[in-house]
């Protein structure tokens, strides 16, 4: 029971971490959508999803369950973003802040 609780806690922390970082990267991707840094932020999002999958696979010891968890978490994130939205704005030089 203790081991299952530890796994659930680790998955919860990793999921929260994934959501926060992915939200920030998605917002930055949107801000830079017409400039070259877009590629960097988009690649970071792909890397983050791969890292999340690897971590969940290691915790669950099952690729099948890890794919299911990742798909559900990604779908929930997309639903969250579609309801809340992303941070939008423009890049301002530090001298104007």
PDB file of N, CA and C in Angstrom:
ATOM      1  N   UNK A   1       0.823  -1.194   0.000  1.00  0.00           N
ATOM      2  CA  UNK A   1       0.000   0.000   0.000  1.00  0.00           C
ATOM      3  C   UNK A   1       0.870   1.263   0.000  1.00  0.00           C
ATOM      4  N   UNK A   2       1.936   1.224   0.814  1.00  0.00           N
ATOM      5  CA  UNK A   2       2.828   2.377   0.894  1.00  0.00           C
ATOM      6  C   UNK A   2       3.521   2.628  -0.445  1.00  0.00           C
ATOM      7  N   UNK A   3       3.869   1.523  -1.129  1.00  0.00           N
ATOM      8  CA  UNK A   3       4.537   1.639  -2.415  1.00  0.00           C
ATOM      9  C   UNK A   3       3.606   2.247  -3.468  1.00  0.00           C
ATOM     10  N   UNK A   4       2.343   1.854  -3.448  1.00  0.00           N
ATOM     11  CA  UNK A   4       1.367   2.407  -4.390  1.00  0.00           C
ATOM     12  C   UNK A   4       1.136   3.888  -4.127  1.00  0.00           C
ATOM     13  N   UNK A   5       1.088   4.256  -2.861  1.00  0.00           N
ATOM     14  CA  UNK A   5       0.912   5.663  -2.501  1.00  0.00           C
ATOM     15  C   UNK A   5       2.112   6.490  -2.969  1.00  0.00           C
ATOM     16  N   UNK A   6       3.307   5.923  -2.809  1.00  0.00           N
ATOM     17  CA  UNK A   6       4.513   6.620  -3.260  1.00  0.00           C
ATOM     18  C   UNK A   6       4.506   6.796  -4.781  1.00  0.00           C
ATOM     19  N   UNK A   7       4.070   5.755  -5.499  1.00  0.00           N
ATOM     20  CA  UNK A   7       3.983   5.855  -6.962  1.00  0.00           C
ATOM     21  C   UNK A   7       2.951   6.898  -7.378  1.00  0.00           C
ATOM     22  N   UNK A   8       1.803   6.885  -6.720  1.00  0.00           N
ATOM     23  CA  UNK A   8       0.750   7.857  -7.040  1.00  0.00           C
ATOM     24  C   UNK A   8       1.231   9.278  -6.770  1.00  0.00           C
ATOM     25  N   UNK A   9       1.943   9.472  -5.672  1.00  0.00           N
ATOM     26  CA  UNK A   9       2.474  10.793  -5.345  1.00  0.00           C
ATOM     27  C   UNK A   9       3.519  11.233  -6.374  1.00  0.00           C
ATOM     28  N   UNK A  10       4.384  10.310  -6.765  1.00  0.00           N
ATOM     29  CA  UNK A  10       5.414  10.649  -7.749  1.00  0.00           C
ATOM     30  C   UNK A  10       4.786  10.997  -9.105  1.00  0.00           C
ATOM     31  N   UNK A  11       3.779  10.238  -9.518  1.00  0.00           N
ATOM     32  CA  UNK A  11       3.094  10.530 -10.775  1.00  0.00           C
ATOM     33  C   UNK A  11       2.380  11.877 -10.686  1.00  0.00           C
ATOM     34  N   UNK A  12       1.773  12.164  -9.540  1.00  0.00           N
ATOM     35  CA  UNK A  12       1.081  13.445  -9.361  1.00  0.00           C
ATOM     36  C   UNK A  12       2.046  14.619  -9.448  1.00  0.00           C
ATOM     37  N   UNK A  13       3.186  14.498  -8.803  1.00  0.00           N
ATOM     38  CA  UNK A  13       4.183  15.571  -8.828  1.00  0.00           C
ATOM     39  C   UNK A  13       4.731  15.752 -10.245  1.00  0.00           C
ATOM     40  N   UNK A  14       5.041  14.651 -10.920  1.00  0.00           N
ATOM     41  CA  UNK A  14       5.534  14.736 -12.299  1.00  0.00           C
ATOM     42  C   UNK A  14       4.491  15.350 -13.229  1.00  0.00           C
ATOM     43  N   UNK A  15       3.218  14.999 -13.012  1.00  0.00           N
ATOM     44  CA  UNK A  15       2.146  15.541 -13.843  1.00  0.00           C
ATOM     45  C   UNK A  15       1.993  17.039 -13.623  1.00  0.00           C
ATOM     46  N   UNK A  16       2.019  17.469 -12.379  1.00  0.00           N
ATOM     47  CA  UNK A  16       1.928  18.899 -12.087  1.00  0.00           C
ATOM     48  C   UNK A  16       3.112  19.645 -12.696  1.00  0.00           C
ATOM     49  N   UNK A  17       4.292  19.076 -12.551  1.00  0.00           N
ATOM     50  CA  UNK A  17       5.496  19.662 -13.130  1.00  0.00           C
ATOM     51  C   UNK A  17       5.364  19.754 -14.650  1.00  0.00           C
ATOM     52  N   UNK A  18       4.878  18.692 -15.281  1.00  0.00           N
ATOM     53  CA  UNK A  18       4.676  18.691 -16.737  1.00  0.00           C
ATOM     54  C   UNK A  18       3.697  19.782 -17.147  1.00  0.00           C
ATOM     55  N   UNK A  19       2.585  19.898 -16.433  1.00  0.00           N
ATOM     56  CA  UNK A  19       1.563  20.896 -16.777  1.00  0.00           C
ATOM     57  C   UNK A  19       2.106  22.315 -16.681  1.00  0.00           C
ATOM     58  N   UNK A  20       2.807  22.619 -15.599  1.00  0.00           N
ATOM     59  CA  UNK A  20       3.316  23.982 -15.394  1.00  0.00           C
ATOM     60  C   UNK A  20       4.343  24.345 -16.467  1.00  0.00           C
ATOM     61  N   UNK A  21       5.300  23.449 -16.691  1.00  0.00           N
ATOM     62  CA  UNK A  21       6.338  23.735 -17.680  1.00  0.00           C
ATOM     63  C   UNK A  21       5.749  23.769 -19.087  1.00  0.00           C
ATOM     64  N   UNK A  22       4.853  22.840 -19.378  1.00  0.00           N
ATOM     65  CA  UNK A  22       4.235  22.803 -20.703  1.00  0.00           C
ATOM     66  C   UNK A  22       3.387  24.044 -20.961  1.00  0.00           C
ATOM     67  N   UNK A  23       2.709  24.530 -19.933  1.00  0.00           N
ATOM     68  CA  UNK A  23       1.911  25.751 -20.081  1.00  0.00           C
ATOM     69  C   UNK A  23       2.808  26.943 -20.411  1.00  0.00           C
ATOM     70  N   UNK A  24       3.927  27.041 -19.708  1.00  0.00           N
ATOM     71  CA  UNK A  24       4.865  28.142 -19.970  1.00  0.00           C
ATOM     72  C   UNK A  24       5.468  28.026 -21.369  1.00  0.00           C
ATOM     73  N   UNK A  25       5.868  26.818 -21.754  1.00  0.00           N
ATOM     74  CA  UNK A  25       6.446  26.632 -23.085  1.00  0.00           C
ATOM     75  C   UNK A  25       5.425  26.886 -24.186  1.00  0.00           C
ATOM     76  N   UNK A  26       4.192  26.450 -23.976  1.00  0.00           N
ATOM     77  CA  UNK A  26       3.141  26.687 -24.973  1.00  0.00           C
ATOM     78  C   UNK A  26       2.872  28.175 -25.131  1.00  0.00           C
ATOM     79  N   UNK A  27       2.872  28.887 -24.025  1.00  0.00           N
ATOM     80  CA  UNK A  27       2.667  30.336 -24.092  1.00  0.00           C
ATOM     81  C   UNK A  27       3.807  31.013 -24.841  1.00  0.00           C
ATOM     82  N   UNK A  28       5.029  30.596 -24.567  1.00  0.00           N
ATOM     83  CA  UNK A  28       6.173  31.188 -25.259  1.00  0.00           C
ATOM     84  C   UNK A  28       6.178  30.806 -26.737  1.00  0.00           C
ATOM     85  N   UNK A  29       5.748  29.595 -27.048  1.00  0.00           N
ATOM     86  CA  UNK A  29       5.642  29.188 -28.449  1.00  0.00           C
ATOM     87  C   UNK A  29       4.658  30.080 -29.184  1.00  0.00           C
ATOM     88  N   UNK A  30       3.562  30.409 -28.523  1.00  0.00           N
ATOM     89  CA  UNK A  30       2.562  31.286 -29.131  1.00  0.00           C
ATOM     90  C   UNK A  30       3.115  32.695 -29.336  1.00  0.00           C
ATOM     91  N   UNK A  31       3.859  33.192 -28.363  1.00  0.00           N
ATOM     92  CA  UNK A  31       4.430  34.538 -28.474  1.00  0.00           C
ATOM     93  C   UNK A  31       5.425  34.609 -29.642  1.00  0.00           C
ATOM     94  N   UNK A  32       6.230  33.557 -29.805  1.00  0.00           N
ATOM     95  CA  UNK A  32       7.274  33.562 -30.837  1.00  0.00           C
ATOM     96  C   UNK A  32       6.855  32.832 -32.113  1.00  0.00           C
ATOM     97  N   UNK A  33       5.571  32.682 -32.367  1.00  0.00           N
ATOM     98  CA  UNK A  33       5.108  31.858 -33.489  1.00  0.00           C
ATOM     99  C   UNK A  33       5.618  32.316 -34.852  1.00  0.00           C
ATOM    100  N   UNK A  34       5.995  33.554 -35.011  1.00  0.00           N
ATOM    101  CA  UNK A  34       6.467  34.048 -36.311  1.00  0.00           C
ATOM    102  C   UNK A  34       7.966  34.324 -36.316  1.00  0.00           C
ATOM    103  N   UNK A  35       8.689  33.860 -35.304  1.00  0.00           N
ATOM    104  CA  UNK A  35      10.118  34.129 -35.209  1.00  0.00           C
ATOM    105  C   UNK A  35      10.870  32.824 -34.991  1.00  0.00           C
ATOM    106  N   UNK A  36      12.184  32.859 -35.119  1.00  0.00           N
ATOM    107  CA  UNK A  36      12.977  31.643 -35.017  1.00  0.00           C
ATOM    108  C   UNK A  36      12.965  30.984 -33.644  1.00  0.00           C
ATOM    109  N   UNK A  37      12.811  31.701 -32.511  1.00  0.00           N
ATOM    110  CA  UNK A  37      12.771  30.997 -31.221  1.00  0.00           C
ATOM    111  C   UNK A  37      11.589  30.028 -31.089  1.00  0.00           C
ATOM    112  N   UNK A  38      10.612  30.141 -31.984  1.00  0.00           N
ATOM    113  CA  UNK A  38       9.490  29.203 -31.997  1.00  0.00           C
ATOM    114  C   UNK A  38       9.995  27.759 -32.034  1.00  0.00           C
ATOM    115  N   UNK A  39      11.006  27.518 -32.860  1.00  0.00           N
ATOM    116  CA  UNK A  39      11.541  26.170 -33.016  1.00  0.00           C
ATOM    117  C   UNK A  39      12.110  25.658 -31.695  1.00  0.00           C
ATOM    118  N   UNK A  40      12.803  26.511 -30.980  1.00  0.00           N
ATOM    119  CA  UNK A  40      13.401  26.123 -29.701  1.00  0.00           C
ATOM    120  C   UNK A  40      12.320  25.759 -28.683  1.00  0.00           C
ATOM    121  N   UNK A  41      11.297  26.589 -28.569  1.00  0.00           N
ATOM    122  CA  UNK A  41      10.241  26.317 -27.596  1.00  0.00           C
ATOM    123  C   UNK A  41       9.406  25.103 -27.990  1.00  0.00           C
ATOM    124  N   UNK A  42       9.152  24.931 -29.286  1.00  0.00           N
ATOM    125  CA  UNK A  42       8.397  23.765 -29.732  1.00  0.00           C
ATOM    126  C   UNK A  42       9.191  22.482 -29.485  1.00  0.00           C
ATOM    127  N   UNK A  43      10.490  22.512 -29.787  1.00  0.00           N
ATOM    128  CA  UNK A  43      11.342  21.349 -29.530  1.00  0.00           C
ATOM    129  C   UNK A  43      11.402  21.040 -28.039  1.00  0.00           C
ATOM    130  N   UNK A  44      11.393  22.065 -27.210  1.00  0.00           N
ATOM    131  CA  UNK A  44      11.389  21.859 -25.760  1.00  0.00           C
ATOM    132  C   UNK A  44      10.101  21.187 -25.304  1.00  0.00           C
ATOM    133  N   UNK A  45       8.993  21.534 -25.935  1.00  0.00           N
ATOM    134  CA  UNK A  45       7.722  20.888 -25.600  1.00  0.00           C
ATOM    135  C   UNK A  45       7.752  19.400 -25.952  1.00  0.00           C
ATOM    136  N   UNK A  46       8.309  19.087 -27.117  1.00  0.00           N
ATOM    137  CA  UNK A  46       8.413  17.687 -27.534  1.00  0.00           C
ATOM    138  C   UNK A  46       9.335  16.930 -26.586  1.00  0.00           C
ATOM    139  N   UNK A  47      10.479  17.533 -26.234  1.00  0.00           N
ATOM    140  CA  UNK A  47      11.411  16.907 -25.301  1.00  0.00           C
ATOM    141  C   UNK A  47      10.748  16.672 -23.947  1.00  0.00           C
ATOM    142  N   UNK A  48       9.979  17.647 -23.479  1.00  0.00           N
ATOM    143  CA  UNK A  48       9.310  17.535 -22.184  1.00  0.00           C
ATOM    144  C   UNK A  48       8.317  16.378 -22.173  1.00  0.00           C
ATOM    145  N   UNK A  49       7.564  16.215 -23.238  1.00  0.00           N
ATOM    146  CA  UNK A  49       6.615  15.106 -23.315  1.00  0.00           C
ATOM    147  C   UNK A  49       7.349  13.766 -23.310  1.00  0.00           C
ATOM    148  N   UNK A  50       8.469  13.683 -24.014  1.00  0.00           N
ATOM    149  CA  UNK A  50       9.277  12.460 -24.003  1.00  0.00           C
ATOM    150  C   UNK A  50       9.846  12.160 -22.632  1.00  0.00           C
ATOM    151  N   UNK A  51      10.312  13.181 -21.946  1.00  0.00           N
ATOM    152  CA  UNK A  51      10.845  13.004 -20.591  1.00  0.00           C
ATOM    153  C   UNK A  51       9.758  12.559 -19.632  1.00  0.00           C
ATOM    154  N   UNK A  52       8.569  13.143 -19.768  1.00  0.00           N
ATOM    155  CA  UNK A  52       7.434  12.766 -18.924  1.00  0.00           C
ATOM    156  C   UNK A  52       7.070  11.298 -19.162  1.00  0.00           C
ATOM    157  N   UNK A  53       7.041  10.890 -20.431  1.00  0.00           N
ATOM    158  CA  UNK A  53       6.731   9.498 -20.762  1.00  0.00           C
ATOM    159  C   UNK A  53       7.760   8.551 -20.145  1.00  0.00           C
ATOM    160  N   UNK A  54       9.041   8.885 -20.262  1.00  0.00           N
ATOM    161  CA  UNK A  54      10.091   8.041 -19.691  1.00  0.00           C
ATOM    162  C   UNK A  54       9.945   7.915 -18.179  1.00  0.00           C
ATOM    163  N   UNK A  55       9.643   9.009 -17.515  1.00  0.00           N
ATOM    164  CA  UNK A  55       9.492   8.990 -16.059  1.00  0.00           C
ATOM    165  C   UNK A  55       8.292   8.134 -15.647  1.00  0.00           C
ATOM    166  N   UNK A  56       7.167   8.290 -16.347  1.00  0.00           N
ATOM    167  CA  UNK A  56       5.974   7.512 -16.023  1.00  0.00           C
ATOM    168  C   UNK A  56       6.219   6.032 -16.310  1.00  0.00           C
ATOM    169  N   UNK A  57       6.929   5.729 -17.398  1.00  0.00           N
ATOM    170  CA  UNK A  57       7.264   4.339 -17.709  1.00  0.00           C
ATOM    171  C   UNK A  57       8.124   3.736 -16.604  1.00  0.00           C
ATOM    172  N   UNK A  58       9.074   4.490 -16.101  1.00  0.00           N
ATOM    173  CA  UNK A  58       9.937   3.998 -15.026  1.00  0.00           C
ATOM    174  C   UNK A  58       9.154   3.765 -13.739  1.00  0.00           C
ATOM    175  N   UNK A  59       8.211   4.636 -13.447  1.00  0.00           N
ATOM    176  CA  UNK A  59       7.428   4.497 -12.215  1.00  0.00           C
ATOM    177  C   UNK A  59       6.458   3.323 -12.316  1.00  0.00           C
ATOM    178  N   UNK A  60       5.790   3.191 -13.450  1.00  0.00           N
ATOM    179  CA  UNK A  60       4.766   2.155 -13.607  1.00  0.00           C
ATOM    180  C   UNK A  60       5.323   0.812 -14.075  1.00  0.00           C
ATOM    181  N   UNK A  61       6.537   0.796 -14.600  1.00  0.00           N
ATOM    182  CA  UNK A  61       7.152  -0.417 -15.147  1.00  0.00           C
ATOM    183  C   UNK A  61       6.302  -1.046 -16.242  1.00  0.00           C
ATOM    184  N   UNK A  62       5.592  -0.228 -16.989  1.00  0.00           N
ATOM    185  CA  UNK A  62       4.732  -0.721 -18.062  1.00  0.00           C
ATOM    186  C   UNK A  62       4.581   0.370 -19.114  1.00  0.00           C
ATOM    187  N   UNK A  63       5.005   0.061 -20.336  1.00  0.00           N
ATOM    188  CA  UNK A  63       4.872   1.049 -21.407  1.00  0.00           C
ATOM    189  C   UNK A  63       3.415   1.259 -21.789  1.00  0.00           C
ATOM    190  N   UNK A  64       2.633   0.177 -21.710  1.00  0.00           N
ATOM    191  CA  UNK A  64       1.220   0.272 -22.081  1.00  0.00           C
ATOM    192  C   UNK A  64       0.478   1.242 -21.160  1.00  0.00           C
ATOM    193  N   UNK A  65       0.675   1.112 -19.854  1.00  0.00           N
ATOM    194  CA  UNK A  65       0.012   2.007 -18.900  1.00  0.00           C
ATOM    195  C   UNK A  65       0.579   3.419 -18.993  1.00  0.00           C
ATOM    196  N   UNK A  66       1.867   3.517 -19.279  1.00  0.00           N
ATOM    197  CA  UNK A  66       2.485   4.842 -19.409  1.00  0.00           C
ATOM    198  C   UNK A  66       1.908   5.601 -20.604  1.00  0.00           C
ATOM    199  N   UNK A  67       1.684   4.897 -21.714  1.00  0.00           N
ATOM    200  CA  UNK A  67       1.077   5.543 -22.886  1.00  0.00           C
ATOM    201  C   UNK A  67      -0.322   6.024 -22.540  1.00  0.00           C
ATOM    202  N   UNK A  68      -1.082   5.198 -21.830  1.00  0.00           N
ATOM    203  CA  UNK A  68      -2.440   5.578 -21.438  1.00  0.00           C
ATOM    204  C   UNK A  68      -2.429   6.803 -20.523  1.00  0.00           C
ATOM    205  N   UNK A  69      -1.563   6.790 -19.518  1.00  0.00           N
ATOM    206  CA  UNK A  69      -1.475   7.924 -18.586  1.00  0.00           C
ATOM    207  C   UNK A  69      -1.047   9.188 -19.327  1.00  0.00           C
ATOM    208  N   UNK A  70      -0.040   9.080 -20.179  1.00  0.00           N
ATOM    209  CA  UNK A  70       0.432  10.254 -20.933  1.00  0.00           C
ATOM    210  C   UNK A  70      -0.655  10.797 -21.849  1.00  0.00           C
ATOM    211  N   UNK A  71      -1.386   9.903 -22.500  1.00  0.00           N
ATOM    212  CA  UNK A  71      -2.463  10.350 -23.389  1.00  0.00           C
ATOM    213  C   UNK A  71      -3.555  11.065 -22.601  1.00  0.00           C
ATOM    214  N   UNK A  72      -3.916  10.527 -21.444  1.00  0.00           N
ATOM    215  CA  UNK A  72      -4.947  11.163 -20.616  1.00  0.00           C
ATOM    216  C   UNK A  72      -4.480  12.513 -20.083  1.00  0.00           C
ATOM    217  N   UNK A  73      -3.246  12.576 -19.626  1.00  0.00           N
ATOM    218  CA  UNK A  73      -2.705  13.832 -19.097  1.00  0.00           C
ATOM    219  C   UNK A  73      -2.596  14.872 -20.209  1.00  0.00           C
ATOM    220  N   UNK A  74      -2.155  14.464 -21.393  1.00  0.00           N
ATOM    221  CA  UNK A  74      -2.054  15.396 -22.517  1.00  0.00           C
ATOM    222  C   UNK A  74      -3.435  15.895 -22.933  1.00  0.00           C
ATOM    223  N   UNK A  75      -4.413  14.982 -22.988  1.00  0.00           N
ATOM    224  CA  UNK A  75      -5.782  15.383 -23.345  1.00  0.00           C
ATOM    225  C   UNK A  75      -6.352  16.343 -22.307  1.00  0.00           C
ATOM    226  N   UNK A  76      -6.089  16.069 -21.032  1.00  0.00           N
ATOM    227  CA  UNK A  76      -6.562  16.963 -19.974  1.00  0.00           C
ATOM    228  C   UNK A  76      -5.879  18.325 -20.079  1.00  0.00           C
ATOM    229  N   UNK A  77      -4.593  18.340 -20.437  1.00  0.00           N
ATOM    230  CA  UNK A  77      -3.878  19.603 -20.604  1.00  0.00           C
ATOM    231  C   UNK A  77      -4.456  20.407 -21.765  1.00  0.00           C
ATOM    232  N   UNK A  78      -4.732  19.741 -22.874  1.00  0.00           N
ATOM    233  CA  UNK A  78      -5.325  20.429 -24.029  1.00  0.00           C
ATOM    234  C   UNK A  78      -6.695  20.986 -23.662  1.00  0.00           C
ATOM    235  N   UNK A  79      -7.486  20.221 -22.928  1.00  0.00           N
ATOM    236  CA  UNK A  79      -8.797  20.694 -22.481  1.00  0.00           C
ATOM    237  C   UNK A  79      -8.647  21.904 -21.560  1.00  0.00           C
ATOM    238  N   UNK A  80      -7.681  21.840 -20.641  1.00  0.00           N
ATOM    239  CA  UNK A  80      -7.414  22.954 -19.732  1.00  0.00           C
ATOM    240  C   UNK A  80      -7.038  24.214 -20.509  1.00  0.00           C
ATOM    241  N   UNK A  81      -6.130  24.068 -21.467  1.00  0.00           N
ATOM    242  CA  UNK A  81      -5.682  25.219 -22.254  1.00  0.00           C
ATOM    243  C   UNK A  81      -6.819  25.770 -23.107  1.00  0.00           C
ATOM    244  N   UNK A  82      -7.665  24.882 -23.626  1.00  0.00           N
ATOM    245  CA  UNK A  82      -8.777  25.371 -24.446  1.00  0.00           C
ATOM    246  C   UNK A  82      -9.801  26.136 -23.616  1.00  0.00           C
ATOM    247  N   UNK A  83      -9.913  25.824 -22.333  1.00  0.00           N
ATOM    248  CA  UNK A  83     -10.854  26.521 -21.463  1.00  0.00           C
ATOM    249  C   UNK A  83     -10.249  27.788 -20.854  1.00  0.00           C
ATOM    250  N   UNK A  84      -9.001  27.711 -20.434  1.00  0.00           N
ATOM    251  CA  UNK A  84      -8.346  28.831 -19.748  1.00  0.00           C
ATOM    252  C   UNK A  84      -7.644  29.758 -20.733  1.00  0.00           C
ATOM    253  N   UNK A  85      -7.008  29.182 -21.736  1.00  0.00           N
ATOM    254  CA  UNK A  85      -6.248  29.971 -22.703  1.00  0.00           C
ATOM    255  C   UNK A  85      -4.784  30.047 -22.320  1.00  0.00           C
ATOM    256  N   UNK A  86      -4.004  30.586 -23.217  1.00  0.00           N
ATOM    257  CA  UNK A  86      -2.576  30.761 -22.980  1.00  0.00           C
ATOM    258  C   UNK A  86      -2.281  32.223 -22.701  1.00  0.00           C
ATOM    259  N   UNK A  87      -1.144  32.469 -22.091  1.00  0.00           N
ATOM    260  CA  UNK A  87      -0.705  33.837 -21.855  1.00  0.00           C
ATOM    261  C   UNK A  87      -0.285  34.409 -23.202  1.00  0.00           C
ATOM    262  N   UNK A  88      -0.866  35.535 -23.565  1.00  0.00           N
ATOM    263  CA  UNK A  88      -0.521  36.157 -24.838  1.00  0.00           C
ATOM    264  C   UNK A  88       0.084  37.523 -24.571  1.00  0.00           C
ATOM    265  N   UNK A  89       0.968  37.890 -25.406  1.00  0.00           N
ATOM    266  CA  UNK A  89       1.609  39.189 -25.244  1.00  0.00           C
ATOM    267  C   UNK A  89       2.648  39.368 -26.313  1.00  0.00           C
ATOM    268  N   UNK A  90       3.497  40.315 -26.088  1.00  0.00           N
ATOM    269  CA  UNK A  90       4.568  40.551 -27.046  1.00  0.00           C
ATOM    270  C   UNK A  90       5.875  40.658 -26.283  1.00  0.00           C
ATOM    271  N   UNK A  91       6.941  40.471 -27.003  1.00  0.00           N
ATOM    272  CA  UNK A  91       8.259  40.558 -26.402  1.00  0.00           C
ATOM    273  C   UNK A  91       8.643  42.026 -26.323  1.00  0.00           C
ATOM    274  N   UNK A  92       9.015  42.466 -25.135  1.00  0.00           N
ATOM    275  CA  UNK A  92       9.421  43.861 -24.934  1.00  0.00           C
ATOM    276  C   UNK A  92      10.886  43.888 -24.508  1.00  0.00           C
ATOM    277  N   UNK A  93      11.681  44.763 -25.090  1.00  0.00           N
ATOM    278  CA  UNK A  93      13.074  44.886 -24.669  1.00  0.00           C
ATOM    279  C   UNK A  93      13.155  45.330 -23.199  1.00  0.00           C
ATOM    280  N   UNK A  94      14.213  44.916 -22.521  1.00  0.00           N
ATOM    281  CA  UNK A  94      14.379  45.279 -21.118  1.00  0.00           C
ATOM    282  C   UNK A  94      14.485  46.792 -20.928  1.00  0.00           C
ATOM    283  N   UNK A  95      14.977  47.472 -21.913  1.00  0.00           N
ATOM    284  CA  UNK A  95      15.137  48.922 -21.781  1.00  0.00           C
ATOM    285  C   UNK A  95      13.791  49.649 -21.716  1.00  0.00           C
ATOM    286  N   UNK A  96      12.723  49.003 -22.190  1.00  0.00           N
ATOM    287  CA  UNK A  96      11.405  49.638 -22.173  1.00  0.00           C
ATOM    288  C   UNK A  96      10.556  49.207 -20.983  1.00  0.00           C
ATOM    289  N   UNK A  97      11.078  48.325 -20.164  1.00  0.00           N
ATOM    290  CA  UNK A  97      10.296  47.848 -19.016  1.00  0.00           C
ATOM    291  C   UNK A  97      10.383  48.756 -17.845  1.00  0.00           C
TER     292      UNK A  97
END
